Amino acid sequence: MKNDKNNVTDPSIKEEGIMRRLKQFLRIAICKGCPLMLFVIFVINVPCSGNNLEITNVELTNKTGSTYDVEFDISWDNSWHTAGAPSLTANWDAAWVFIKFSTRAAGSTEWLPWRHATLNATGHTAPSGSQIDLGATSGTNVGAFIRRSSAGSGTNTWTDAALQWDFSADGISGDEVVRVRVFGIEMVLISSGSFYAGSGGTGTSEFYKYPTSTNPYLISSEDAIPIGADTDKLYYPSSTDGGDQSGDGSGNIPAGFPKGYDAFYIMKTEISQRQYCDFLNTLEAGQLTNRVYADGYFNDSRNWIKKALNGKYGCDANDNAGSWGTADYSKMNESDDGGWTACNYLNWGDVAAYADWSGLRPFTELEYEKACRGGQVPVADEYAWGSTSIQEATGISGGGTVSEGPSNTAANCVYNNNENVQGPLRSGCMARSATTRVEAGASYFGVLDLSGNLWERPVTLGNETGRAFTGEHGDGLLNATGYADATSWPASDAIGAGFRGGNWSLHPTLCRVSDRIHAAYTNSNRTLSYGGRCARTSP
């Protein structure tokens, strides 16, 4: 069998000392595993390395009844677990790890479509110094978090980690030839506790505690919250910019709607273009139809995705692979091909599908504000890094590479449609060696690009459809036409999904944490400033 390497790197950060400030941010990579053969006499083992995170030495061991251990080594630099975590002043990072598999009958050359692997309830192996937390808060185990088991920071080097795969739960008899891919996504824990919604500032349609618009609303539980123009209720003024885009200003937020009080994980960075390609490369033809343009991406505004002659998708920022549909895949995903760039031209259906496929979920606009400011008292008109100072990226250095960043090193945000940028930059690129939280454009808990770069797409509490969201997790499977099938999520028409945090092409005021000018704006299109990020309730 020819091995299909599919390595992806994405930058992220380390956080030291969440109590007052983040002292240093460095890149951490996201890595995808590589296929191998199962249920045969031999195993083909291909190391998988990324920028700083590596998953290597993948093998199947300990077949017992209907389970196999999927064993691997995992390492990444600049990991953290802050003393006292989890708390409103301390947290950790983790890798969300999940497995996809494909089968063929013995003697056949035709591989069946990729499917999601079900993990066993027990039997996983966490190396010394690590901890494995199954992701399920209910239902099927579709993945696991791997993290530090105690306080510390620096490089993780863990060997012989293992996730136990219950292959019988996936309809595998044990006689087939099977190939497996192990995927990982860098996540940040947003710890449980009270926080404020709204900054008390001048942002459009900010949340506040009625009747005082400068008084942010305290979220102190996951209980239902009434909305309305009555004393002590959560309220926001209506935005009529292009229609009522901030919401209806009415109704209750049900108890089941994730409000951010309970702990959850969120992706450190926005979905990268290489991550999205890896997602596309596991889909069936009927699913792909609705996850890409029929004639390809626009290949402008710094979107580098192309379809190759062999049907795979990859990045080609240096434009040496050829045209969409006939491109040479061997010339894609090179060191300067832009795979680390945040993925624009994603519509709501694309983001929801990626979340469902990976076993994650969308996040809500209340969770967005919690991820930005933690439990801190809001600063009026603050950005995600907790201050009102902001510095525009005015050019690009290292374009298309893993080192891509702003040419003016004082920059901490991508906004304002600068003529020398004209698109999103590498996810998390403001986090550089020895940068503070403000300089890195990082949230209180260490999440990057929550202000600027690409629009965030949270579930809104501004209309009835959004408020019906219950935080249901993806099951790893899409329907036959490539759409998420989680029942409580906003559908492909995007009703119930909104926009927060601004983007590379807009004025900086829209990048403020609490600005809600488009919080309930319904738009199901793909365009140059729409990206995505996913979350998952903490187990």
Protein backbone atom coordinates (compact mmCIF):
# COMPACT_ATOMS: atom_id res chain seq x y z
CA MET A 1 0.00 0.00 0.00
CA LYS A 2 1.22 3.49 -0.79
CA ASN A 3 1.26 5.64 2.32
CA ASP A 4 -0.62 8.91 2.13
CA LYS A 5 1.18 11.42 4.31
CA ASN A 6 -1.09 14.15 5.49
CA ASN A 7 0.80 16.26 7.97
CA VAL A 8 -0.59 19.59 9.11
CA THR A 9 0.89 22.26 11.32
CA ASP A 10 -0.82 25.18 12.91
CA PRO A 11 0.56 27.75 15.33
CA SER A 12 -0.78 28.38 18.76
CA ILE A 13 0.55 29.55 22.05
CA LYS A 14 1.79 28.96 25.53
CA GLU A 15 0.40 30.90 28.46
CA GLU A 16 2.37 31.58 31.61
CA GLY A 17 0.66 33.25 34.55
CA ILE A 18 -2.97 33.78 33.65
CA MET A 19 -3.67 35.73 36.86
CA ARG A 20 -2.37 39.05 35.58
CA ARG A 21 -0.94 38.63 32.12
CA LEU A 22 0.39 36.12 29.62
CA LYS A 23 4.14 36.58 29.54
CA GLN A 24 5.16 34.55 26.57
CA PHE A 25 3.54 33.12 23.46
CA LEU A 26 5.13 30.62 21.13
CA ARG A 27 3.78 28.50 18.32
CA ILE A 28 2.37 25.03 18.83
CA ALA A 29 1.47 22.92 15.83
CA ILE A 30 -1.53 20.81 15.02
CA CYS A 31 -0.67 17.44 13.55
CA LYS A 32 -2.64 14.87 11.65
CA GLY A 33 -1.89 11.19 11.69
CA CYS A 34 -1.05 9.03 8.74
CA PRO A 35 -2.74 5.86 7.44
CA LEU A 36 -1.59 2.35 8.19
CA MET A 37 -2.79 -1.20 7.67
CA LEU A 38 -4.76 -3.12 10.29
CA PHE A 39 -5.96 -6.68 10.72
CA VAL A 40 -3.19 -8.04 8.54
CA ILE A 41 0.11 -9.68 9.35
CA PHE A 42 2.05 -6.42 9.16
CA VAL A 43 1.53 -2.78 10.04
CA ILE A 44 2.90 0.02 7.86
CA ASN A 45 4.02 2.74 10.26
CA VAL A 46 4.59 6.27 9.01
CA PRO A 47 5.88 8.97 11.37
CA CYS A 48 3.85 12.16 11.35
CA SER A 49 5.49 15.42 12.29
CA GLY A 50 4.27 18.97 12.37
CA ASN A 51 5.76 22.29 13.37
CA ASN A 52 6.05 21.60 17.09
CA LEU A 53 3.53 18.81 17.73
CA GLU A 54 4.35 15.31 16.57
CA ILE A 55 2.35 12.09 16.52
CA THR A 56 4.71 9.25 15.62
CA ASN A 57 5.14 5.48 15.93
CA VAL A 58 1.47 4.69 15.38
CA GLU A 59 0.67 1.01 15.71
CA LEU A 60 -2.07 -1.41 16.72
CA THR A 61 -1.46 -3.55 19.76
CA ASN A 62 -3.32 -5.67 22.29
CA LYS A 63 -6.19 -7.00 20.24
CA THR A 64 -8.66 -8.31 22.81
CA GLY A 65 -12.05 -9.45 21.63
CA SER A 66 -13.50 -6.50 19.71
CA THR A 67 -10.96 -3.85 20.72
CA TYR A 68 -7.55 -2.74 19.59
CA ASP A 69 -5.18 -0.23 21.16
CA VAL A 70 -4.20 2.52 18.73
CA GLU A 71 -0.80 3.33 20.17
CA PHE A 72 1.31 6.39 19.37
CA ASP A 73 3.89 8.82 20.69
CA ILE A 74 2.87 12.45 21.05
CA SER A 75 4.88 15.57 21.79
CA TRP A 76 4.53 19.33 21.55
CA ASP A 77 6.39 22.37 22.73
CA ASN A 78 5.20 25.19 24.97
CA SER A 79 2.43 23.28 26.66
CA TRP A 80 1.07 24.55 29.97
CA HIS A 81 -0.91 23.53 33.03
CA THR A 82 -1.13 26.45 35.43
CA ALA A 83 -0.98 25.73 39.17
CA GLY A 84 -4.45 25.72 40.67
CA ALA A 85 -6.17 24.72 37.44
CA PRO A 86 -8.97 24.47 36.70
CA SER A 87 -10.08 27.85 38.03
CA LEU A 88 -10.96 31.28 36.71
CA THR A 89 -7.28 32.20 37.00
CA ALA A 90 -5.69 28.95 35.86
CA ASN A 91 -6.15 26.50 33.02
CA TRP A 92 -4.35 24.12 30.65
CA ASP A 93 -4.02 23.31 26.99
CA ALA A 94 -4.82 19.92 25.48
CA ALA A 95 -4.89 18.02 22.22
CA TRP A 96 -8.29 16.75 21.05
CA VAL A 97 -7.44 13.41 19.42
CA PHE A 98 -9.79 11.34 17.25
CA ILE A 99 -9.49 8.53 14.73
CA LYS A 100 -10.87 7.97 11.24
CA PHE A 101 -10.74 4.60 9.48
CA SER A 102 -11.42 3.11 6.06
CA THR A 103 -11.80 -0.55 5.11
CA ARG A 104 -11.52 -2.83 2.11
CA ALA A 105 -12.25 -6.48 1.75
CA ALA A 106 -9.31 -8.86 1.66
CA GLY A 107 -8.16 -9.19 -1.95
CA SER A 108 -9.95 -6.00 -3.03
CA THR A 109 -8.24 -2.75 -4.06
CA GLU A 110 -11.27 -0.52 -3.41
CA TRP A 111 -11.28 1.42 -0.18
CA LEU A 112 -14.63 2.28 1.36
CA PRO A 113 -15.28 5.83 2.61
CA TRP A 114 -13.61 7.17 5.75
CA ARG A 115 -15.60 6.72 8.96
CA HIS A 116 -15.22 7.86 12.55
CA ALA A 117 -13.81 5.40 15.10
CA THR A 118 -15.62 4.75 18.38
CA LEU A 119 -13.43 4.70 21.48
CA ASN A 120 -13.96 2.20 24.27
CA ALA A 121 -15.19 3.47 27.63
CA THR A 122 -12.04 2.21 29.38
CA GLY A 123 -8.64 0.78 28.58
CA HIS A 124 -6.78 3.90 27.39
CA THR A 125 -3.13 4.38 28.32
CA ALA A 126 -1.84 7.76 29.48
CA PRO A 127 1.96 8.01 29.69
CA SER A 128 3.58 9.30 32.86
CA GLY A 129 2.93 13.03 33.24
CA SER A 130 -0.16 13.00 31.03
CA GLN A 131 -3.87 12.48 31.48
CA ILE A 132 -6.47 11.24 29.01
CA ASP A 133 -10.01 12.53 29.41
CA LEU A 134 -12.69 10.93 27.26
CA GLY A 135 -14.58 13.66 25.48
CA ALA A 136 -18.06 12.32 26.06
CA THR A 137 -20.35 14.17 28.42
CA SER A 138 -23.01 11.77 27.14
CA GLY A 139 -23.36 9.32 24.27
CA THR A 140 -20.63 7.77 22.16
CA ASN A 141 -16.93 8.30 22.83
CA VAL A 142 -15.74 9.97 19.63
CA GLY A 143 -12.42 11.34 20.87
CA ALA A 144 -10.29 12.22 23.88
CA PHE A 145 -8.35 15.11 25.36
CA ILE A 146 -4.68 14.47 26.14
CA ARG A 147 -3.08 16.98 28.50
CA ARG A 148 -0.59 17.50 31.31
CA SER A 149 -1.68 15.78 34.52
CA SER A 150 -0.11 18.37 36.85
CA ALA A 151 1.17 21.92 36.86
CA GLY A 152 4.10 22.72 34.60
CA SER A 153 5.05 24.14 31.25
CA GLY A 154 7.36 23.41 28.37
CA THR A 155 7.72 20.49 25.97
CA ASN A 156 5.60 17.36 26.31
CA THR A 157 7.29 14.13 25.19
CA TRP A 158 4.98 11.21 25.78
CA THR A 159 5.57 7.74 24.41
CA ASP A 160 3.24 4.76 24.14
CA ALA A 161 -0.01 6.67 24.58
CA ALA A 162 -2.94 4.52 23.50
CA LEU A 163 -6.61 5.00 22.73
CA GLN A 164 -8.63 1.79 22.78
CA TRP A 165 -10.77 1.44 19.66
CA ASP A 166 -14.01 -0.56 19.94
CA PHE A 167 -14.05 -1.70 16.32
CA SER A 168 -17.12 -3.89 16.74
CA ALA A 169 -19.14 -0.78 17.59
CA ASP A 170 -18.25 0.46 14.10
CA GLY A 171 -19.36 -2.72 12.35
CA ILE A 172 -15.87 -4.13 11.79
CA SER A 173 -15.57 -7.90 12.04
CA GLY A 174 -11.80 -8.08 12.26
CA ASP A 175 -11.28 -9.76 8.88
CA GLU A 176 -11.07 -6.59 6.79
CA VAL A 177 -8.02 -4.62 5.78
CA VAL A 178 -8.31 -1.28 7.54
CA ARG A 179 -6.40 1.98 7.30
CA VAL A 180 -6.48 4.53 10.11
CA ARG A 181 -5.70 8.22 10.46
CA VAL A 182 -5.23 9.90 13.84
CA PHE A 183 -6.15 13.59 13.96
CA GLY A 184 -5.35 16.17 16.61
CA ILE A 185 -6.59 19.70 17.22
CA GLU A 186 -5.06 22.08 19.77
CA MET A 187 -7.62 23.25 22.34
CA VAL A 188 -7.71 25.52 25.38
CA LEU A 189 -9.72 24.90 28.53
CA ILE A 190 -12.04 27.75 29.49
CA SER A 191 -12.53 27.10 33.20
CA SER A 192 -15.86 27.06 34.99
CA GLY A 193 -17.05 30.13 36.87
CA SER A 194 -18.89 33.43 36.72
CA PHE A 195 -18.10 36.10 34.15
CA TYR A 196 -19.53 39.26 32.68
CA ALA A 197 -21.31 39.70 29.37
CA GLY A 198 -20.91 43.17 27.92
CA SER A 199 -18.12 45.62 28.60
CA GLY A 200 -20.06 48.68 29.73
CA GLY A 201 -18.69 50.44 26.68
CA THR A 202 -19.94 51.96 23.46
CA GLY A 203 -20.06 48.84 21.29
CA THR A 204 -23.17 48.32 19.20
CA SER A 205 -25.87 46.29 20.98
CA GLU A 206 -23.69 45.28 23.92
CA PHE A 207 -25.23 43.11 26.63
CA TYR A 208 -26.03 44.87 29.90
CA LYS A 209 -28.09 44.57 33.07
CA TYR A 210 -31.22 46.60 32.49
CA PRO A 211 -31.69 49.55 32.89
CA THR A 212 -28.05 50.74 33.08
CA SER A 213 -26.25 50.30 29.75
CA THR A 214 -22.82 50.69 31.37
CA ASN A 215 -23.48 47.81 33.79
CA PRO A 216 -22.33 44.45 32.35
CA TYR A 217 -24.49 41.41 33.09
CA LEU A 218 -23.05 38.77 35.43
CA ILE A 219 -23.45 35.17 34.22
CA SER A 220 -23.35 33.18 37.47
CA SER A 221 -24.85 29.82 36.48
CA GLU A 222 -26.21 27.80 33.57
CA ASP A 223 -29.79 28.52 34.67
CA ALA A 224 -32.29 30.10 32.31
CA ILE A 225 -31.84 33.85 31.76
CA PRO A 226 -34.71 36.22 30.96
CA ILE A 227 -34.16 38.86 28.27
CA GLY A 228 -36.08 42.11 28.19
CA ALA A 229 -36.46 45.76 29.18
CA ASP A 230 -37.26 45.01 32.83
CA THR A 231 -35.13 45.71 35.87
CA ASP A 232 -32.21 43.28 36.35
CA LYS A 233 -32.88 41.37 33.13
CA LEU A 234 -30.26 40.78 30.46
CA TYR A 235 -30.81 43.28 27.68
CA TYR A 236 -29.26 44.82 24.60
CA PRO A 237 -30.43 47.60 22.27
CA SER A 238 -31.42 46.57 18.78
CA SER A 239 -29.04 47.19 15.91
CA THR A 240 -30.76 48.19 12.68
CA ASP A 241 -27.63 48.34 10.53
CA GLY A 242 -28.86 46.56 7.40
CA GLY A 243 -31.78 45.12 9.35
CA ASP A 244 -32.23 43.89 12.90
CA GLN A 245 -28.84 42.18 13.09
CA SER A 246 -28.26 42.04 16.84
CA GLY A 247 -31.38 40.05 17.67
CA ASP A 248 -34.97 40.31 18.79
CA GLY A 249 -34.26 41.51 22.33
CA SER A 250 -36.82 39.11 23.77
CA GLY A 251 -37.41 35.63 25.04
CA ASN A 252 -35.68 33.55 27.69
CA ILE A 253 -32.32 31.88 27.22
CA PRO A 254 -33.16 28.27 28.13
CA ALA A 255 -31.20 26.36 30.76
CA GLY A 256 -29.89 24.05 28.02
CA PHE A 257 -28.26 26.86 26.03
CA PRO A 258 -24.49 26.89 26.82
CA LYS A 259 -23.86 30.17 28.62
CA GLY A 260 -20.15 29.81 29.34
CA TYR A 261 -20.46 29.31 33.09
CA ASP A 262 -19.66 25.61 32.81
CA ALA A 263 -16.19 24.66 31.61
CA PHE A 264 -15.61 24.10 27.91
CA TYR A 265 -12.76 23.76 25.44
CA ILE A 266 -12.29 25.99 22.41
CA MET A 267 -9.84 25.77 19.53
CA LYS A 268 -6.69 27.83 20.12
CA THR A 269 -6.84 29.22 16.60
CA GLU A 270 -9.24 29.47 13.71
CA ILE A 271 -9.52 26.54 11.31
CA SER A 272 -6.51 26.63 9.01
CA GLN A 273 -6.59 25.99 5.28
CA ARG A 274 -4.62 22.78 5.64
CA GLN A 275 -6.96 21.55 8.36
CA TYR A 276 -9.90 22.20 6.08
CA CYS A 277 -8.16 20.31 3.25
CA ASP A 278 -7.66 17.31 5.54
CA PHE A 279 -11.34 17.40 6.35
CA LEU A 280 -12.25 17.53 2.65
CA ASN A 281 -9.93 14.63 1.89
CA THR A 282 -11.99 12.26 4.06
CA LEU A 283 -15.37 13.08 2.48
CA GLU A 284 -17.33 11.23 -0.17
CA ALA A 285 -18.13 12.79 -3.54
CA GLY A 286 -21.73 13.55 -2.58
CA GLN A 287 -20.57 15.28 0.60
CA LEU A 288 -17.86 17.31 -1.13
CA THR A 289 -20.43 18.92 -3.43
CA ASN A 290 -21.70 21.08 -0.58
CA ARG A 291 -18.39 21.73 1.14
CA VAL A 292 -16.55 23.43 -1.76
CA TYR A 293 -17.42 25.66 -4.69
CA ALA A 294 -18.27 23.71 -7.82
CA ASP A 295 -15.51 25.52 -9.73
CA GLY A 296 -13.11 25.88 -6.83
CA TYR A 297 -12.28 28.49 -4.28
CA PHE A 298 -11.78 32.03 -5.48
CA ASN A 299 -8.04 31.64 -4.96
CA ASP A 300 -7.86 35.25 -3.84
CA SER A 301 -7.91 37.13 -0.53
CA ARG A 302 -5.15 34.72 0.53
CA ASN A 303 -7.15 31.52 0.11
CA TRP A 304 -4.73 28.95 -1.35
CA ILE A 305 -6.91 25.83 -1.55
CA LYS A 306 -6.97 23.90 -4.83
CA LYS A 307 -8.30 20.58 -6.03
CA ALA A 308 -5.67 18.27 -7.53
CA LEU A 309 -6.00 15.94 -10.50
CA ASN A 310 -6.13 12.97 -8.11
CA GLY A 311 -9.21 14.44 -6.41
CA LYS A 312 -7.42 15.54 -3.25
CA TYR A 313 -7.37 19.06 -1.86
CA GLY A 314 -4.26 20.95 -0.86
CA CYS A 315 -2.71 24.40 -0.56
CA ASP A 316 -0.70 26.08 -3.31
CA ALA A 317 0.25 29.61 -2.26
CA ASN A 318 3.37 29.56 -4.47
CA ASP A 319 1.11 28.65 -7.43
CA ASN A 320 3.39 26.01 -8.92
CA ALA A 321 0.95 23.07 -8.86
CA GLY A 322 -1.33 24.12 -11.71
CA SER A 323 -5.00 24.96 -12.06
CA TRP A 324 -8.01 23.86 -10.01
CA GLY A 325 -8.96 20.29 -10.87
CA THR A 326 -5.77 19.52 -12.78
CA ALA A 327 -3.19 20.56 -10.17
CA ASP A 328 -0.27 18.29 -9.29
CA TYR A 329 -0.83 17.18 -5.69
CA SER A 330 2.87 16.44 -5.20
CA LYS A 331 3.54 20.18 -5.54
CA MET A 332 0.94 21.17 -2.97
CA ASN A 333 1.42 21.64 0.77
CA GLU A 334 5.01 22.77 0.38
CA SER A 335 6.76 24.87 3.00
CA ASP A 336 5.55 28.12 1.42
CA ASP A 337 2.08 26.98 0.31
CA GLY A 338 0.07 28.72 3.01
CA GLY A 339 -1.43 25.74 4.81
CA TRP A 340 -1.17 27.60 8.10
CA THR A 341 -3.25 30.55 6.89
CA ALA A 342 -6.66 30.86 8.56
CA CYS A 343 -9.28 29.42 6.23
CA ASN A 344 -11.64 32.01 4.76
CA TYR A 345 -14.57 31.44 2.37
CA LEU A 346 -16.26 29.15 4.89
CA ASN A 347 -20.02 29.41 5.23
CA TRP A 348 -21.99 28.33 8.28
CA GLY A 349 -22.65 24.91 6.76
CA ASP A 350 -18.90 24.37 6.30
CA VAL A 351 -18.09 25.31 9.90
CA ALA A 352 -20.89 23.16 11.31
CA ALA A 353 -19.82 20.21 9.14
CA TYR A 354 -16.22 20.52 10.32
CA ALA A 355 -17.41 20.60 13.94
CA ASP A 356 -19.63 17.54 13.48
CA TRP A 357 -16.90 15.62 11.60
CA SER A 358 -14.34 16.25 14.36
CA GLY A 359 -16.66 15.47 17.28
CA LEU A 360 -16.74 19.10 18.41
CA ARG A 361 -19.59 21.65 18.39
CA PRO A 362 -20.27 25.32 17.70
CA PHE A 363 -19.87 27.76 20.60
CA THR A 364 -22.28 30.47 21.71
CA GLU A 365 -21.79 34.21 21.81
CA LEU A 366 -21.76 34.09 25.63
CA GLU A 367 -19.00 31.46 25.48
CA TYR A 368 -17.17 33.76 23.08
CA GLU A 369 -17.11 36.57 25.64
CA LYS A 370 -16.03 34.16 28.41
CA ALA A 371 -13.18 32.84 26.26
CA CYS A 372 -12.02 36.41 25.68
CA ARG A 373 -12.10 37.92 29.18
CA GLY A 374 -12.36 35.02 31.60
CA GLY A 375 -13.73 36.08 34.96
CA GLN A 376 -12.12 39.51 34.85
CA VAL A 377 -14.05 42.73 35.34
CA PRO A 378 -14.59 44.05 31.81
CA VAL A 379 -12.66 46.98 30.39
CA ALA A 380 -15.02 49.22 28.46
CA ASP A 381 -14.60 48.70 24.70
CA GLU A 382 -11.84 46.13 25.24
CA TYR A 383 -10.45 43.79 22.62
CA ALA A 384 -9.83 40.09 23.28
CA TRP A 385 -6.48 40.88 24.92
CA GLY A 386 -8.14 42.93 27.67
CA SER A 387 -7.23 46.48 26.65
CA THR A 388 -8.38 49.17 24.23
CA SER A 389 -5.03 49.43 22.46
CA ILE A 390 -4.81 47.87 19.00
CA GLN A 391 -2.12 47.83 16.32
CA GLU A 392 -2.90 47.04 12.69
CA ALA A 393 -0.82 44.61 10.61
CA THR A 394 0.49 46.72 7.72
CA GLY A 395 2.33 44.05 5.76
CA ILE A 396 3.31 40.38 5.63
CA SER A 397 6.62 38.74 6.45
CA GLY A 398 7.37 35.12 5.53
CA GLY A 399 4.23 34.87 3.41
CA GLY A 400 2.78 31.37 3.11
CA THR A 401 5.23 29.77 5.54
CA VAL A 402 4.97 28.50 9.10
CA SER A 403 6.78 31.70 10.13
CA GLU A 404 4.31 34.05 8.44
CA GLY A 405 3.47 37.13 10.44
CA PRO A 406 3.06 40.88 10.23
CA SER A 407 6.01 42.78 8.80
CA ASN A 408 5.53 45.42 11.50
CA THR A 409 6.31 43.42 14.62
CA ALA A 410 4.29 45.75 16.86
CA ALA A 411 1.06 44.55 15.21
CA ASN A 412 -1.33 42.51 17.32
CA CYS A 413 -4.40 42.26 15.06
CA VAL A 414 -5.41 41.91 11.40
CA TYR A 415 -8.10 44.47 10.51
CA ASN A 416 -8.80 47.60 8.45
CA ASN A 417 -8.35 46.16 4.93
CA ASN A 418 -4.70 47.16 4.70
CA GLU A 419 -3.59 47.27 1.07
CA ASN A 420 -0.45 45.26 1.88
CA VAL A 421 -2.33 42.43 3.61
CA GLN A 422 -5.64 41.82 1.80
CA GLY A 423 -6.63 38.64 3.56
CA PRO A 424 -6.26 36.59 6.75
CA LEU A 425 -2.81 35.82 8.12
CA ARG A 426 -1.42 32.62 9.59
CA SER A 427 -3.58 31.50 12.49
CA GLY A 428 -2.11 32.78 15.74
CA CYS A 429 0.78 34.59 14.07
CA MET A 430 0.79 37.51 16.51
CA ALA A 431 2.07 35.16 19.24
CA ARG A 432 5.83 35.40 18.98
CA SER A 433 8.72 34.74 21.31
CA ALA A 434 8.62 36.97 24.40
CA THR A 435 5.34 38.68 23.51
CA THR A 436 2.91 39.75 26.22
CA ARG A 437 -0.79 39.01 26.08
CA VAL A 438 -1.51 42.38 24.46
CA GLU A 439 1.34 42.05 21.95
CA ALA A 440 0.17 38.55 21.01
CA GLY A 441 -3.47 39.53 20.65
CA ALA A 442 -4.37 36.72 23.04
CA SER A 443 -7.41 36.20 25.22
CA TYR A 444 -7.27 35.87 29.00
CA PHE A 445 -7.16 32.08 28.75
CA GLY A 446 -4.67 32.01 25.86
CA VAL A 447 -6.92 31.75 22.79
CA LEU A 448 -5.70 33.57 19.67
CA ASP A 449 -7.38 35.71 17.00
CA LEU A 450 -10.69 36.14 18.81
CA SER A 451 -10.48 39.74 17.66
CA GLY A 452 -9.75 40.31 13.97
CA ASN A 453 -8.37 38.05 11.21
CA LEU A 454 -11.68 36.26 10.35
CA TRP A 455 -15.21 36.55 11.69
CA GLU A 456 -16.05 34.19 14.54
CA ARG A 457 -19.33 32.31 13.96
CA PRO A 458 -21.03 31.74 17.33
CA VAL A 459 -24.60 30.64 17.91
CA THR A 460 -26.64 33.74 18.72
CA LEU A 461 -29.03 34.26 21.58
CA GLY A 462 -30.68 36.96 19.46
CA ASN A 463 -33.35 34.78 17.88
CA GLU A 464 -35.47 31.78 18.73
CA THR A 465 -33.52 29.36 16.53
CA GLY A 466 -30.22 30.25 18.15
CA ARG A 467 -31.66 30.02 21.65
CA ALA A 468 -32.79 26.45 20.91
CA PHE A 469 -29.14 25.31 20.70
CA THR A 470 -28.34 22.82 23.46
CA GLY A 471 -24.60 22.27 23.06
CA GLU A 472 -25.03 18.85 21.46
CA HIS A 473 -21.70 17.44 20.29
CA GLY A 474 -20.87 16.19 16.82
CA ASP A 475 -20.77 12.42 16.38
CA GLY A 476 -18.01 12.36 13.76
CA LEU A 477 -20.45 11.65 10.93
CA LEU A 478 -22.08 13.86 8.30
CA ASN A 479 -25.18 13.09 6.29
CA ALA A 480 -24.92 11.88 2.71
CA THR A 481 -24.87 15.41 1.33
CA GLY A 482 -22.13 16.67 3.63
CA TYR A 483 -24.16 18.57 6.20
CA ALA A 484 -23.97 18.35 9.99
CA ASP A 485 -26.82 16.26 11.35
CA ALA A 486 -26.87 17.48 14.97
CA THR A 487 -30.51 18.28 15.63
CA SER A 488 -30.21 21.40 17.82
CA TRP A 489 -27.61 23.23 15.73
CA PRO A 490 -28.53 26.09 13.39
CA ALA A 491 -29.15 24.55 9.96
CA SER A 492 -27.37 25.29 6.70
CA ASP A 493 -29.56 28.38 6.18
CA ALA A 494 -27.50 29.90 9.05
CA ILE A 495 -30.56 31.12 10.95
CA GLY A 496 -29.40 31.08 14.57
CA ALA A 497 -25.73 31.70 13.75
CA GLY A 498 -24.15 35.13 13.90
CA PHE A 499 -20.86 37.02 13.72
CA ARG A 500 -18.55 38.33 16.44
CA GLY A 501 -15.00 39.68 16.70
CA GLY A 502 -14.52 41.50 13.39
CA ASN A 503 -12.19 40.53 10.57
CA TRP A 504 -9.22 41.60 8.45
CA SER A 505 -11.25 43.88 6.17
CA LEU A 506 -13.24 45.90 8.73
CA HIS A 507 -12.89 48.84 11.10
CA PRO A 508 -11.35 47.98 14.50
CA THR A 509 -14.48 48.88 16.48
CA LEU A 510 -16.08 45.66 15.19
CA CYS A 511 -13.19 43.67 16.68
CA ARG A 512 -14.23 44.61 20.21
CA VAL A 513 -15.25 41.71 22.44
CA SER A 514 -18.74 42.95 23.22
CA ASP A 515 -19.70 44.58 19.93
CA ARG A 516 -22.80 42.78 18.65
CA ILE A 517 -23.60 44.69 15.49
CA HIS A 518 -23.97 41.44 13.49
CA ALA A 519 -24.56 38.99 16.35
CA ALA A 520 -27.80 37.66 14.85
CA TYR A 521 -27.10 38.44 11.20
CA THR A 522 -28.20 35.53 9.02
CA ASN A 523 -25.87 34.87 6.10
CA SER A 524 -25.28 31.43 4.56
CA ASN A 525 -22.80 32.57 1.88
CA ARG A 526 -19.09 31.97 1.53
CA THR A 527 -17.01 35.11 1.41
CA LEU A 528 -13.49 36.41 1.93
CA SER A 529 -13.82 37.23 5.64
CA TYR A 530 -15.78 34.22 6.97
CA GLY A 531 -13.85 31.62 8.96
CA GLY A 532 -14.54 29.12 11.70
CA ARG A 533 -13.61 27.76 15.11
CA CYS A 534 -15.13 24.96 17.19
CA ALA A 535 -15.61 24.04 20.85
CA ARG A 536 -16.56 21.15 23.11
CA THR A 537 -18.08 21.00 26.59
CA SER A 538 -15.48 19.88 29.14
CA PRO A 539 -16.02 16.30 30.31
